[in-house]
Protein backbone atom coordinates (compact mmCIF):
# COMPACT_ATOMS: atom_id res chain seq x y z
CA MET A 1 -26.83 21.66 -7.19
CA ARG A 2 -22.53 21.80 -7.11
CA VAL A 3 -21.02 25.62 -5.38
CA PHE A 4 -17.83 26.81 -6.52
CA LEU A 5 -15.86 29.99 -5.66
CA ARG A 6 -13.88 31.30 -8.95
CA ASN A 7 -11.11 34.17 -8.75
CA THR A 8 -12.98 37.31 -10.94
CA LYS A 9 -9.91 38.06 -12.31
CA THR A 10 -7.74 33.79 -13.20
CA ARG A 11 -10.85 32.45 -13.55
CA LEU A 12 -9.19 30.22 -11.71
CA PHE A 13 -10.98 27.74 -9.16
CA CYS A 14 -10.34 27.64 -5.30
CA ALA A 15 -8.79 24.54 -4.49
CA GLY A 16 -8.09 25.59 -0.83
CA ALA A 17 -6.72 27.77 0.51
CA ASP A 18 -4.53 29.91 -0.87
CA ARG A 19 -4.56 27.35 -3.87
CA TRP A 20 -6.12 27.22 -6.99
CA ALA A 21 -7.50 25.00 -9.63
CA VAL A 22 -7.44 25.46 -13.64
CA THR A 23 -10.97 22.91 -13.66
CA ARG A 24 -14.12 22.43 -11.32
CA GLU A 25 -13.42 19.27 -10.79
CA GLN A 26 -10.13 20.10 -8.71
CA ALA A 27 -11.77 22.67 -6.86
CA LEU A 28 -13.83 22.09 -3.79
CA THR A 29 -17.01 21.96 -3.35
CA PHE A 30 -19.77 24.02 -1.39
CA ASP A 31 -23.27 22.13 -0.45
CA ASN A 32 -24.59 25.66 -0.52
CA VAL A 33 -23.97 29.84 -1.35
CA ALA A 34 -23.88 29.75 2.59
CA GLN A 35 -20.67 27.81 3.17
CA ALA A 36 -19.29 29.23 -0.32
CA THR A 37 -19.62 32.27 1.52
CA ASP A 38 -18.55 31.72 4.82
CA PHE A 39 -15.35 30.13 3.22
CA ALA A 40 -14.39 32.84 1.13
CA PHE A 41 -14.48 35.46 3.87
CA ASN A 42 -12.45 33.25 6.71
CA GLU A 43 -9.74 32.53 4.41
CA ASN A 44 -9.82 36.00 3.19
CA VAL A 45 -10.52 35.06 -0.65
CA LEU A 46 -12.18 38.16 -1.88
CA GLU A 47 -11.52 38.24 -5.57
CA ALA A 48 -14.29 36.03 -5.73
CA GLU A 49 -17.55 34.82 -7.39
CA ILE A 50 -19.66 31.75 -6.42
CA VAL A 51 -20.40 29.87 -9.16
CA LEU A 52 -23.75 27.10 -9.25
CA ARG A 53 -23.56 24.52 -10.99
CA CYS A 54 -26.67 22.16 -12.06
CA ASP A 55 -27.71 19.08 -13.63
CA LEU A 56 -30.91 20.56 -14.86
CA LEU A 57 -29.25 23.96 -16.48
CA SER A 58 -27.13 23.93 -19.86
CA ARG A 59 -25.17 27.14 -17.77
CA GLU A 60 -24.02 27.88 -14.78
CA VAL A 61 -25.52 30.96 -12.93
CA VAL A 62 -22.71 32.67 -11.28
CA MET A 63 -23.46 35.81 -8.58
CA PRO A 64 -21.19 37.88 -7.01
CA LEU A 65 -19.43 37.64 -3.39
CA LEU A 66 -20.94 40.29 -1.26
CA PRO A 67 -20.59 40.83 2.16
CA GLU A 68 -23.65 40.48 3.65
CA TRP A 69 -23.85 37.51 2.84
CA ARG A 70 -21.41 37.12 5.24
CA ASP A 71 -24.08 35.93 8.00
CA LEU A 72 -26.09 33.64 6.07
CA CYS A 73 -24.66 30.60 8.15
CA GLN A 74 -26.07 32.56 11.10
CA PRO A 75 -29.34 31.20 12.66
CA ALA A 76 -32.09 33.66 12.99
CA PRO A 77 -33.22 35.80 16.08
CA VAL A 78 -35.83 33.80 17.84
CA ARG A 79 -38.42 36.09 18.74
CA ALA A 80 -40.75 36.11 21.53
């Protein structure tokens, strides 16, 4: 699975901080949704959506960038 960020208005893919690309091949590829979300909020790429591509699926999966996903990279607290 490959994860990308795409601007919801221009449909361009995120290629870096303040850089955009026409194709997925030129875009940044993230290992997972948490990494893409973290990058989007850290780099202020807030008009983005998350795009998932998998060779097993004939279509891409598109999800909105939600603020509550910002802490996905944080480890869960350990309960005693």
